[in-house]
Amino acid sequence: MAVTFRADPGAVMLITGDHLFYYYRCPRRPFLDAQGTAAHNPGESPLHEKLNRDHHDLRTQLLRDYAWQAPQADPQDWAAAHTQTLALMAQGVAAIHRGVLTLTPAPGITYLGRPDLLVRRPGASRWGNWHYQAVDIRLGQRPKPEYQGVAAFHAWLLSELQDTWPTTGLLWLPGPRSVRVRLADAVPAMHKTLVACTAILQAEQAPEVFISRSRCQLCPWLGDCSQVAQAQQHLSLVPGVTALRYAELRQLGIATIPQLASQSPHYLDHQTSFGLATVTRLVRQAQAIQRGHALPLGPFPALPQEPVELFFDIEAEPHLDCVYLHGVLVVKAGRPAFHGFLAPHPQGEGEVWQQFVDLVLTYPAAPIFHFCPFETQTIQRLGDRYGTPRLKVQAILNRCVDLHAWVTRHVVLPVDNYSLKAIARWLGFRWRHPRADGAQSIWWYNQWLSSQNPSYLEALQVYNEDDCQATYRLKTWLDDFHQATAQSPLQEESG
């Protein structure tokens, strides 16, 4: 955990590896972390808990391979922990867990690193004929820039403390597998980033807000930053406005939703690198948000309609490589009935797959509506895994209709992202578990496996059924919207 505070005049500013890590993801994050606690932090989510558990498991696996020692000081007493770390390095212990590295390059600034492990390597240093290499544990499948940046930061601190550079930085990723970080490339880039991060921490005001659906999801400041963005009607609330696109629009003096909504797509096509199709959608999206209602992206086609329609959602545990729940809402003449095929253990995956196949083949003419391509990809994969005849699998796939692809191709909605949660909530749908999501579903399943408490299976079924019901609600709305636009076509407005 980063040790952070707002530095008073004359006090030491502590800049940690966590500050640097989060700066790579969002320059605003380290500044906010230094101010205190987020006012609108909903608390640790099941996904946070899962990531923490995965990190702990990976660290435990790594530590088994080393006869490590650790500083005995309180982790919050970083000065004492640093002194004890240096003492262990001078002794030449094989490995150091929970080591603390600090450096004060200028009055009032101290850099602090907490690598997961310091490993003794052959090669001269101030200690003798050995030196240390830092190992950082990360959960990503590839060596992301922020991973390499912090690895370079730890290597630099080590080089200053032991009077020699380690040959490389080292990342420990899931698998497990180790990835070497080339310091000749990573250290110069890290120093530039560290200078920028330090300047932000010394600034009086926070950097400009920018909401990114992927990067902000787990940030404790998301609620606070969203309030700021909403108050400013910031362009990052418009789906499709990436950081690079925002930079181009800012150069044209376009920074808010109303400003974008008033633009001509043909003007923006000549002024930006986006292309006409993209700028048309961005302008239309801003108009939908500003007006608070949906707008078509041209002629709006009808979805398949049959007396029986199926709405399908899957729950899976990627670490177990198991699809544990197939949920199908069967709607006959407007009357829905839910069928949940739940595997009580991962070995039951094949049985519930066959139950799903049997159900959908009972209604051979019924379209199968789902949201995003995961369901069709999984049908293909499970069909291969369990030897389901290819013609049978293909017949099921031919009936599948991805409503996410349909929506994003034909309509813009007044939402800040096109997840099922965001769209269905705009339509007035509410999940019975308000904070439930895919990570929560995985957590419930793992809790069931470890405790055999049936309440976890009940929660899973409820969540999955709600996802199917939300998909049904969306399809019903799309049918109604098609009728409305057919009766009174909405002409595209360019502002």
Protein backbone atom coordinates (compact mmCIF):
# COMPACT_ATOMS: atom_id res chain seq x y z
CA MET A 1 0.00 0.00 0.00
CA ALA A 2 1.32 3.45 -0.87
CA VAL A 3 2.22 5.78 1.97
CA THR A 4 0.63 9.04 0.84
CA PHE A 5 -0.15 12.41 2.27
CA ARG A 6 -0.54 16.00 1.18
CA ALA A 7 2.85 17.56 1.81
CA ASP A 8 2.82 20.72 3.90
CA PRO A 9 5.39 23.40 3.06
CA GLY A 10 8.76 22.22 4.31
CA ALA A 11 7.64 18.61 4.82
CA VAL A 12 9.05 15.61 2.97
CA MET A 13 7.03 14.54 -0.06
CA LEU A 14 7.01 10.76 -0.30
CA ILE A 15 6.70 9.46 -3.87
CA THR A 16 6.13 5.73 -4.12
CA GLY A 17 6.11 3.01 -6.72
CA ASP A 18 2.33 3.01 -6.42
CA HIS A 19 2.22 6.69 -7.40
CA LEU A 20 4.28 5.89 -10.48
CA PHE A 21 2.20 2.81 -11.32
CA TYR A 22 -1.06 4.73 -11.21
CA TYR A 23 0.40 7.71 -13.08
CA TYR A 24 0.93 5.46 -16.09
CA ARG A 25 -2.78 4.65 -15.99
CA CYS A 26 -4.10 8.09 -15.04
CA PRO A 27 -2.09 11.22 -14.16
CA ARG A 28 -4.96 12.34 -11.93
CA ARG A 29 -4.83 9.28 -9.64
CA PRO A 30 -1.56 9.95 -7.73
CA PHE A 31 -2.61 13.55 -7.05
CA LEU A 32 -5.94 12.41 -5.61
CA ASP A 33 -4.32 9.62 -3.60
CA ALA A 34 -2.10 12.22 -1.96
CA GLN A 35 -5.17 14.16 -0.82
CA GLY A 36 -6.76 11.42 1.27
CA THR A 37 -9.76 9.15 0.84
CA ALA A 38 -12.33 9.23 -1.96
CA ALA A 39 -15.69 10.59 -0.81
CA HIS A 40 -17.71 8.32 -3.10
CA ASN A 41 -15.69 5.10 -2.84
CA PRO A 42 -18.21 2.22 -2.74
CA GLY A 43 -15.67 -0.01 -1.00
CA GLU A 44 -13.83 -3.11 -2.11
CA SER A 45 -15.75 -4.99 -4.77
CA PRO A 46 -15.70 -8.76 -5.30
CA LEU A 47 -13.38 -8.14 -8.25
CA HIS A 48 -10.96 -6.31 -5.94
CA GLU A 49 -11.13 -9.21 -3.51
CA LYS A 50 -10.49 -11.70 -6.30
CA LEU A 51 -7.51 -9.74 -7.63
CA ASN A 52 -6.05 -9.44 -4.13
CA ARG A 53 -6.50 -13.17 -3.61
CA ASP A 54 -4.92 -13.97 -6.99
CA HIS A 55 -1.96 -11.72 -6.18
CA HIS A 56 -1.56 -13.39 -2.78
CA ASP A 57 -1.66 -16.86 -4.36
CA LEU A 58 0.91 -15.93 -7.01
CA ARG A 59 3.18 -14.38 -4.37
CA THR A 60 2.90 -17.47 -2.16
CA GLN A 61 3.84 -19.64 -5.13
CA LEU A 62 6.90 -17.48 -5.86
CA LEU A 63 8.08 -17.34 -2.25
CA ARG A 64 8.09 -21.13 -1.98
CA ASP A 65 11.16 -21.17 -4.24
CA TYR A 66 13.27 -18.92 -2.00
CA ALA A 67 14.70 -19.02 1.52
CA TRP A 68 13.67 -15.45 2.18
CA GLN A 69 13.92 -13.13 5.14
CA ALA A 70 11.97 -9.93 5.82
CA PRO A 71 12.44 -6.68 7.76
CA GLN A 72 10.79 -6.89 11.17
CA ALA A 73 9.77 -3.22 11.33
CA ASP A 74 6.16 -2.13 10.99
CA PRO A 75 5.52 -1.74 7.22
CA GLN A 76 4.27 1.80 7.86
CA ASP A 77 7.61 2.69 9.48
CA TRP A 78 9.29 2.82 6.11
CA ALA A 79 12.50 4.45 7.39
CA ALA A 80 13.13 1.60 9.85
CA ALA A 81 12.13 -1.00 7.25
CA HIS A 82 14.57 0.57 4.79
CA THR A 83 17.41 0.41 7.32
CA GLN A 84 16.66 -3.24 8.04
CA THR A 85 16.48 -4.01 4.31
CA LEU A 86 19.96 -2.57 3.80
CA ALA A 87 21.24 -4.65 6.71
CA LEU A 88 19.86 -7.84 5.16
CA MET A 89 21.43 -6.93 1.81
CA ALA A 90 24.77 -6.34 3.50
CA GLN A 91 24.50 -9.77 5.15
CA GLY A 92 23.96 -11.33 1.73
CA VAL A 93 20.74 -13.19 2.53
CA ALA A 94 19.37 -15.23 -0.36
CA ALA A 95 16.15 -13.24 -0.77
CA ILE A 96 14.27 -10.41 0.95
CA HIS A 97 10.47 -10.23 1.09
CA ARG A 98 8.71 -6.96 1.99
CA GLY A 99 11.92 -5.01 1.49
CA VAL A 100 11.81 -1.21 1.40
CA LEU A 101 14.06 0.92 -0.83
CA THR A 102 14.25 4.68 -0.35
CA LEU A 103 16.23 7.48 -1.95
CA THR A 104 16.28 11.23 -1.25
CA PRO A 105 17.69 12.84 -4.41
CA ALA A 106 16.82 16.39 -3.35
CA PRO A 107 15.70 18.12 -0.14
CA GLY A 108 12.01 17.57 0.51
CA ILE A 109 11.55 14.59 -1.85
CA THR A 110 11.95 10.91 -1.00
CA TYR A 111 11.32 8.07 -3.43
CA LEU A 112 10.13 4.78 -1.96
CA GLY A 113 9.87 1.34 -3.56
CA ARG A 114 8.44 -1.90 -2.20
CA PRO A 115 9.34 -4.72 -4.61
CA ASP A 116 7.70 -8.06 -3.88
CA LEU A 117 11.08 -9.74 -3.60
CA LEU A 118 14.78 -8.90 -3.71
CA VAL A 119 16.88 -11.82 -4.94
CA ARG A 120 20.65 -12.14 -4.47
CA ARG A 121 22.60 -12.53 -7.70
CA PRO A 122 26.32 -13.02 -8.39
CA GLY A 123 28.20 -9.85 -9.33
CA ALA A 124 30.08 -7.15 -7.43
CA SER A 125 28.36 -4.38 -5.49
CA ARG A 126 29.05 -2.33 -2.39
CA TRP A 127 28.07 -5.41 -0.37
CA GLY A 128 30.70 -7.73 -1.83
CA ASN A 129 30.62 -10.21 -4.70
CA TRP A 130 26.83 -10.19 -4.83
CA HIS A 131 24.06 -7.76 -5.66
CA TYR A 132 20.25 -7.80 -5.67
CA GLN A 133 17.58 -7.89 -8.35
CA ALA A 134 13.99 -6.78 -7.72
CA VAL A 135 11.08 -9.06 -8.63
CA ASP A 136 7.60 -7.57 -9.10
CA ILE A 137 4.47 -9.74 -9.13
CA ARG A 138 1.75 -8.64 -11.56
CA LEU A 139 -1.53 -10.21 -12.65
CA GLY A 140 -1.57 -9.16 -16.31
CA GLN A 141 -0.72 -11.62 -19.06
CA ARG A 142 1.76 -9.26 -20.72
CA PRO A 143 4.43 -6.82 -19.46
CA LYS A 144 2.39 -3.61 -19.56
CA PRO A 145 4.17 -0.21 -19.59
CA GLU A 146 3.23 0.45 -15.96
CA TYR A 147 4.71 -2.92 -14.94
CA GLN A 148 7.96 -2.17 -16.73
CA GLY A 149 8.03 1.39 -15.39
CA VAL A 150 7.83 0.30 -11.75
CA ALA A 151 10.37 -2.48 -12.39
CA ALA A 152 12.74 0.16 -13.78
CA PHE A 153 12.01 2.39 -10.75
CA HIS A 154 12.98 -0.43 -8.37
CA ALA A 155 16.11 -1.21 -10.42
CA TRP A 156 17.15 2.45 -10.28
CA LEU A 157 16.67 2.63 -6.51
CA LEU A 158 18.73 -0.55 -6.16
CA SER A 159 21.50 0.85 -8.36
CA GLU A 160 21.79 3.91 -6.12
CA LEU A 161 21.82 1.83 -2.92
CA GLN A 162 24.15 -1.01 -3.97
CA ASP A 163 26.40 0.95 -6.37
CA THR A 164 25.67 -1.36 -9.29
CA TRP A 165 22.82 -2.04 -11.66
CA PRO A 166 21.02 -5.37 -11.79
CA THR A 167 21.27 -6.82 -15.28
CA THR A 168 17.50 -6.66 -15.83
CA GLY A 169 14.25 -6.03 -14.05
CA LEU A 170 12.10 -9.09 -13.45
CA LEU A 171 8.32 -9.49 -13.61
CA TRP A 172 6.50 -12.55 -12.26
CA LEU A 173 3.27 -13.04 -14.22
CA PRO A 174 0.48 -15.65 -14.05
CA GLY A 175 1.35 -19.08 -15.39
CA PRO A 176 3.58 -18.59 -13.53
CA ARG A 177 6.22 -17.20 -15.85
CA SER A 178 8.99 -14.65 -15.52
CA VAL A 179 9.55 -11.79 -17.95
CA ARG A 180 12.77 -9.80 -18.04
CA VAL A 181 12.60 -6.02 -18.37
CA ARG A 182 15.30 -4.45 -20.54
CA LEU A 183 16.54 -1.61 -18.34
CA ALA A 184 18.41 0.21 -21.11
CA ASP A 185 15.01 1.04 -22.61
CA ALA A 186 12.81 1.12 -19.52
CA VAL A 187 14.90 3.34 -17.22
CA PRO A 188 15.09 6.47 -19.45
CA ALA A 189 11.34 6.26 -20.10
CA MET A 190 10.71 5.77 -16.37
CA HIS A 191 12.74 8.86 -15.46
CA LYS A 192 10.66 11.03 -17.80
CA THR A 193 7.48 9.65 -16.26
CA LEU A 194 8.83 10.10 -12.73
CA VAL A 195 9.60 13.76 -13.40
CA ALA A 196 6.06 14.30 -14.69
CA CYS A 197 4.53 12.39 -11.77
CA THR A 198 6.58 14.41 -9.26
CA ALA A 199 5.44 17.67 -10.86
CA ILE A 200 1.80 16.63 -10.54
CA LEU A 201 2.22 15.73 -6.87
CA GLN A 202 3.74 19.17 -6.28
CA ALA A 203 0.93 20.96 -8.15
CA GLU A 204 -1.87 22.93 -6.50
CA GLN A 205 -4.68 21.55 -8.67
CA ALA A 206 -5.56 18.09 -9.92
CA PRO A 207 -5.00 17.27 -13.60
CA GLU A 208 -8.01 17.38 -15.88
CA VAL A 209 -10.54 14.62 -15.38
CA PHE A 210 -10.87 11.91 -18.03
CA ILE A 211 -13.20 8.96 -17.59
CA SER A 212 -11.95 5.78 -19.26
CA ARG A 213 -14.29 2.78 -19.11
CA SER A 214 -11.47 0.22 -18.94
CA ARG A 215 -8.92 2.01 -16.76
CA CYS A 216 -11.31 3.64 -14.29
CA GLN A 217 -13.38 0.56 -13.47
CA LEU A 218 -11.46 -0.40 -10.31
CA CYS A 219 -10.37 3.07 -9.23
CA PRO A 220 -11.67 4.25 -5.82
CA TRP A 221 -11.93 7.77 -7.25
CA LEU A 222 -14.34 6.82 -10.06
CA GLY A 223 -17.39 8.19 -8.21
CA ASP A 224 -15.67 11.49 -7.39
CA CYS A 225 -14.25 11.92 -10.89
CA SER A 226 -17.59 11.04 -12.47
CA GLN A 227 -19.26 13.83 -10.50
CA VAL A 228 -16.64 16.28 -11.76
CA ALA A 229 -17.05 15.05 -15.34
CA GLN A 230 -20.85 15.26 -15.15
CA ALA A 231 -20.69 18.81 -13.81
CA GLN A 232 -18.37 19.81 -16.67
CA GLN A 233 -20.30 17.76 -19.28
CA HIS A 234 -16.88 16.40 -20.13
CA LEU A 235 -16.34 14.76 -23.50
CA SER A 236 -14.88 11.61 -21.94
CA LEU A 237 -18.47 10.73 -20.97
CA VAL A 238 -19.22 10.23 -24.67
CA PRO A 239 -18.64 6.60 -25.72
CA GLY A 240 -16.01 6.51 -28.44
CA VAL A 241 -14.11 9.61 -27.28
CA THR A 242 -10.72 8.11 -26.48
CA ALA A 243 -7.84 10.08 -24.99
CA LEU A 244 -6.27 10.50 -28.43
CA ARG A 245 -9.53 11.64 -30.01
CA TYR A 246 -10.14 14.00 -27.12
CA ALA A 247 -6.73 15.61 -27.68
CA GLU A 248 -7.65 16.31 -31.32
CA LEU A 249 -11.05 17.71 -30.38
CA ARG A 250 -9.50 19.92 -27.70
CA GLN A 251 -7.25 21.47 -30.31
CA LEU A 252 -10.43 22.50 -32.14
CA GLY A 253 -11.85 24.06 -28.97
CA ILE A 254 -14.32 21.20 -28.42
CA ALA A 255 -14.22 20.04 -24.79
CA THR A 256 -17.84 19.51 -23.72
CA ILE A 257 -20.82 17.43 -24.80
CA PRO A 258 -22.87 20.46 -25.99
CA GLN A 259 -19.93 21.70 -28.06
CA LEU A 260 -19.57 18.33 -29.78
CA ALA A 261 -23.33 17.98 -30.27
CA SER A 262 -23.42 21.26 -32.21
CA GLN A 263 -20.75 20.26 -34.73
CA SER A 264 -21.16 19.29 -38.36
CA PRO A 265 -19.76 15.80 -39.01
CA HIS A 266 -18.49 16.95 -42.40
CA TYR A 267 -16.57 19.80 -40.77
CA LEU A 268 -15.02 17.44 -38.21
CA ASP A 269 -14.18 14.94 -40.93
CA HIS A 270 -11.94 17.56 -42.56
CA GLN A 271 -10.46 18.74 -39.25
CA THR A 272 -9.68 15.39 -37.58
CA SER A 273 -8.17 12.02 -38.44
CA PHE A 274 -11.23 10.04 -37.31
CA GLY A 275 -13.07 9.49 -40.59
CA LEU A 276 -16.63 10.49 -41.48
CA ALA A 277 -18.32 7.40 -40.01
CA THR A 278 -16.64 7.90 -36.65
CA VAL A 279 -17.27 11.63 -36.34
CA THR A 280 -20.89 11.13 -37.41
CA ARG A 281 -21.39 8.63 -34.62
CA LEU A 282 -19.59 10.82 -32.06
CA VAL A 283 -21.73 13.85 -32.91
CA ARG A 284 -24.88 11.75 -32.88
CA GLN A 285 -23.85 10.24 -29.53
CA ALA A 286 -23.33 13.68 -28.01
CA GLN A 287 -26.74 14.75 -29.30
CA ALA A 288 -28.40 11.69 -27.74
CA ILE A 289 -26.79 12.41 -24.36
CA GLN A 290 -27.66 16.11 -24.50
CA ARG A 291 -31.29 15.46 -25.45
CA GLY A 292 -31.75 12.44 -23.20
CA HIS A 293 -33.25 10.12 -25.80
CA ALA A 294 -32.18 7.56 -28.40
CA LEU A 295 -31.37 8.49 -31.99
CA PRO A 296 -31.12 6.12 -34.97
CA LEU A 297 -27.97 5.86 -37.05
CA GLY A 298 -29.88 5.73 -40.32
CA PRO A 299 -32.64 3.28 -41.33
CA PHE A 300 -33.55 1.12 -38.33
CA PRO A 301 -34.19 -2.53 -39.30
CA ALA A 302 -36.48 -4.92 -37.47
CA LEU A 303 -35.17 -7.69 -35.27
CA PRO A 304 -36.38 -11.29 -35.77
CA GLN A 305 -39.74 -11.92 -34.14
CA GLU A 306 -41.18 -15.37 -33.45
CA PRO A 307 -43.91 -16.80 -31.19
CA VAL A 308 -41.11 -18.26 -29.03
CA GLU A 309 -37.93 -16.30 -28.33
CA LEU A 310 -34.93 -17.29 -26.19
CA PHE A 311 -32.72 -14.94 -24.16
CA PHE A 312 -29.39 -16.46 -23.23
CA ASP A 313 -26.62 -15.60 -20.75
CA ILE A 314 -23.58 -17.56 -19.57
CA GLU A 315 -21.55 -17.47 -16.35
CA ALA A 316 -17.99 -18.82 -16.45
CA GLU A 317 -14.91 -19.14 -14.23
CA PRO A 318 -11.84 -18.53 -16.44
CA HIS A 319 -9.33 -19.75 -13.86
CA LEU A 320 -11.15 -23.08 -13.65
CA ASP A 321 -11.82 -23.06 -17.41
CA CYS A 322 -15.42 -23.85 -16.57
CA VAL A 323 -18.80 -22.63 -17.83
CA TYR A 324 -20.89 -23.26 -14.75
CA LEU A 325 -24.24 -21.70 -15.65
CA HIS A 326 -26.33 -21.47 -18.81
CA GLY A 327 -29.35 -19.25 -18.26
CA VAL A 328 -32.18 -19.23 -20.81
CA LEU A 329 -35.31 -17.11 -20.58
CA VAL A 330 -37.97 -18.74 -22.78
CA VAL A 331 -40.59 -16.20 -23.85
CA LYS A 332 -43.77 -17.69 -25.33
CA ALA A 333 -46.37 -15.18 -26.50
CA GLY A 334 -44.97 -12.58 -24.12
CA ARG A 335 -44.84 -14.93 -21.09
CA PRO A 336 -41.28 -15.52 -19.79
CA ALA A 337 -40.04 -18.64 -18.01
CA PHE A 338 -36.44 -18.97 -16.80
CA HIS A 339 -34.32 -22.10 -17.06
CA GLY A 340 -30.97 -22.15 -15.24
CA PHE A 341 -28.60 -25.03 -15.92
CA LEU A 342 -26.06 -24.83 -13.11
CA ALA A 343 -23.07 -27.13 -12.61
CA PRO A 344 -22.61 -27.80 -8.87
CA HIS A 345 -18.95 -28.60 -9.58
CA PRO A 346 -16.65 -27.89 -12.57
CA GLN A 347 -16.84 -31.51 -13.66
CA GLY A 348 -20.54 -30.96 -14.35
CA GLU A 349 -19.86 -28.54 -17.21
CA GLY A 350 -20.58 -31.13 -19.90
CA GLU A 351 -23.90 -32.14 -18.36
CA VAL A 352 -25.26 -28.59 -18.17
CA TRP A 353 -24.01 -27.92 -21.71
CA GLN A 354 -26.09 -30.84 -22.95
CA GLN A 355 -29.12 -29.59 -20.99
CA PHE A 356 -28.76 -26.23 -22.73
CA VAL A 357 -28.48 -27.88 -26.16
CA ASP A 358 -31.55 -30.02 -25.50
CA LEU A 359 -33.59 -26.98 -24.48
CA VAL A 360 -32.74 -24.78 -27.46
CA LEU A 361 -33.34 -27.66 -29.88
CA THR A 362 -36.82 -28.01 -28.39
CA TYR A 363 -37.62 -24.68 -30.07
CA PRO A 364 -35.89 -24.99 -33.47
CA ALA A 365 -37.42 -21.79 -34.90
CA ALA A 366 -36.78 -19.58 -31.86
CA PRO A 367 -34.13 -16.86 -32.23
CA ILE A 368 -31.55 -16.83 -29.42
CA PHE A 369 -30.85 -13.30 -28.25
CA HIS A 370 -27.71 -12.57 -26.24
CA PHE A 371 -25.47 -9.59 -25.45
CA CYS A 372 -21.86 -9.55 -26.78
CA PRO A 373 -20.04 -12.35 -28.61
CA PHE A 374 -19.00 -14.36 -25.53
CA GLU A 375 -22.06 -16.60 -25.73
CA THR A 376 -21.52 -17.62 -29.36
CA GLN A 377 -17.79 -18.11 -28.81
CA THR A 378 -18.60 -20.36 -25.85
CA ILE A 379 -21.17 -22.38 -27.80
CA GLN A 380 -18.50 -23.08 -30.43
CA ARG A 381 -15.89 -23.97 -27.80
CA LEU A 382 -18.14 -26.26 -25.75
CA GLY A 383 -19.42 -27.95 -28.88
CA ASP A 384 -15.83 -28.82 -29.80
CA ARG A 385 -14.96 -29.86 -26.24
CA TYR A 386 -17.88 -32.26 -25.84
CA GLY A 387 -18.08 -33.60 -29.37
CA THR A 388 -21.46 -32.09 -30.23
CA PRO A 389 -22.13 -32.66 -33.96
CA ARG A 390 -20.98 -29.64 -35.93
CA LEU A 391 -24.21 -29.33 -37.86
CA LYS A 392 -26.12 -29.16 -34.59
CA VAL A 393 -23.78 -26.50 -33.18
CA GLN A 394 -23.96 -24.48 -36.38
CA ALA A 395 -27.76 -24.65 -36.37
CA ILE A 396 -27.74 -23.12 -32.89
CA LEU A 397 -25.22 -20.44 -33.88
CA ASN A 398 -27.29 -19.50 -36.94
CA ARG A 399 -30.16 -18.56 -34.63
CA CYS A 400 -28.06 -16.34 -32.33
CA VAL A 401 -28.57 -12.57 -32.44
CA ASP A 402 -26.06 -10.33 -30.64
CA LEU A 403 -28.05 -7.35 -29.33
CA HIS A 404 -24.89 -5.45 -28.41
CA ALA A 405 -23.73 -5.54 -32.03
CA TRP A 406 -27.25 -4.62 -33.16
CA VAL A 407 -27.47 -1.61 -30.86
CA THR A 408 -24.02 -0.23 -31.64
CA ARG A 409 -24.63 -0.63 -35.37
CA HIS A 410 -28.05 0.99 -35.60
CA VAL A 411 -28.73 3.40 -32.71
CA VAL A 412 -27.09 5.76 -30.22
CA LEU A 413 -28.38 5.89 -26.66
CA PRO A 414 -28.00 8.55 -23.95
CA VAL A 415 -25.58 6.40 -21.94
CA ASP A 416 -21.90 6.72 -21.08
CA ASN A 417 -21.10 3.15 -22.15
CA TYR A 418 -22.76 0.29 -24.01
CA SER A 419 -22.62 -2.41 -21.36
CA LEU A 420 -25.82 -4.32 -20.66
CA LYS A 421 -25.90 -2.76 -17.18
CA ALA A 422 -25.75 0.80 -18.49
CA ILE A 423 -28.33 0.27 -21.24
CA ALA A 424 -30.83 -1.71 -19.15
CA ARG A 425 -30.61 0.76 -16.27
CA TRP A 426 -31.36 3.58 -18.69
CA LEU A 427 -34.42 1.56 -19.72
CA GLY A 428 -35.49 1.39 -16.07
CA PHE A 429 -34.45 -2.19 -15.38
CA ARG A 430 -33.01 -2.95 -11.94
CA TRP A 431 -30.97 -5.97 -10.86
CA ARG A 432 -32.06 -7.57 -7.61
CA HIS A 433 -28.41 -7.49 -6.49
CA PRO A 434 -27.56 -3.84 -7.35
CA ARG A 435 -23.75 -4.25 -7.34
CA ALA A 436 -23.65 -7.70 -8.91
CA ASP A 437 -21.50 -8.26 -11.98
CA GLY A 438 -19.48 -11.00 -13.62
CA ALA A 439 -16.78 -10.85 -10.95
CA GLN A 440 -19.40 -11.15 -8.22
CA SER A 441 -20.82 -14.20 -10.01
CA ILE A 442 -17.39 -15.85 -10.07
CA TRP A 443 -16.93 -15.03 -6.38
CA TRP A 444 -20.30 -16.57 -5.53
CA TYR A 445 -19.40 -19.75 -7.42
CA ASN A 446 -16.03 -20.07 -5.70
CA GLN A 447 -17.69 -19.46 -2.34
CA TRP A 448 -20.17 -22.24 -3.12
CA LEU A 449 -17.34 -24.62 -4.04
CA SER A 450 -15.51 -23.94 -0.77
CA SER A 451 -18.50 -23.74 1.60
CA GLN A 452 -21.32 -25.70 -0.11
CA ASN A 453 -23.66 -22.99 1.16
CA PRO A 454 -26.70 -23.11 -1.20
CA SER A 455 -27.36 -19.39 -0.76
CA TYR A 456 -24.48 -18.72 -3.15
CA LEU A 457 -26.10 -20.85 -5.85
CA GLU A 458 -29.39 -19.03 -5.30
CA ALA A 459 -27.65 -15.67 -5.72
CA LEU A 460 -26.02 -16.93 -8.93
CA GLN A 461 -29.36 -17.99 -10.38
CA VAL A 462 -30.98 -14.66 -9.49
CA TYR A 463 -28.16 -12.66 -11.07
CA ASN A 464 -28.12 -14.75 -14.23
CA GLU A 465 -31.89 -14.59 -14.57
CA ASP A 466 -31.75 -10.81 -14.20
CA ASP A 467 -29.17 -10.65 -17.01
CA CYS A 468 -31.55 -12.64 -19.22
CA GLN A 469 -34.47 -10.43 -18.21
CA ALA A 470 -32.41 -7.31 -18.98
CA THR A 471 -31.62 -8.70 -22.44
CA TYR A 472 -35.34 -9.34 -22.94
CA ARG A 473 -36.13 -5.77 -21.84
CA LEU A 474 -33.64 -4.43 -24.35
CA LYS A 475 -35.08 -6.51 -27.18
CA THR A 476 -38.61 -5.34 -26.34
CA TRP A 477 -37.43 -1.73 -26.40
CA LEU A 478 -35.69 -2.23 -29.75
CA ASP A 479 -38.91 -3.65 -31.21
CA ASP A 480 -40.84 -0.62 -29.93
CA PHE A 481 -38.17 1.78 -31.21
CA HIS A 482 -38.32 0.18 -34.65
CA GLN A 483 -42.08 0.69 -34.77
CA ALA A 484 -41.77 4.31 -33.64
CA THR A 485 -39.11 5.17 -36.22
CA ALA A 486 -41.05 3.37 -38.97
CA GLN A 487 -44.16 5.41 -38.20
CA SER A 488 -42.32 8.71 -37.71
CA PRO A 489 -38.79 8.57 -39.15
CA LEU A 490 -36.26 10.69 -37.24
CA GLN A 491 -34.09 12.65 -39.59
CA GLU A 492 -30.39 12.75 -38.76
CA GLU A 493 -29.32 16.12 -37.42
CA SER A 494 -25.79 17.33 -37.77
CA GLY A 495 -26.02 20.47 -35.66
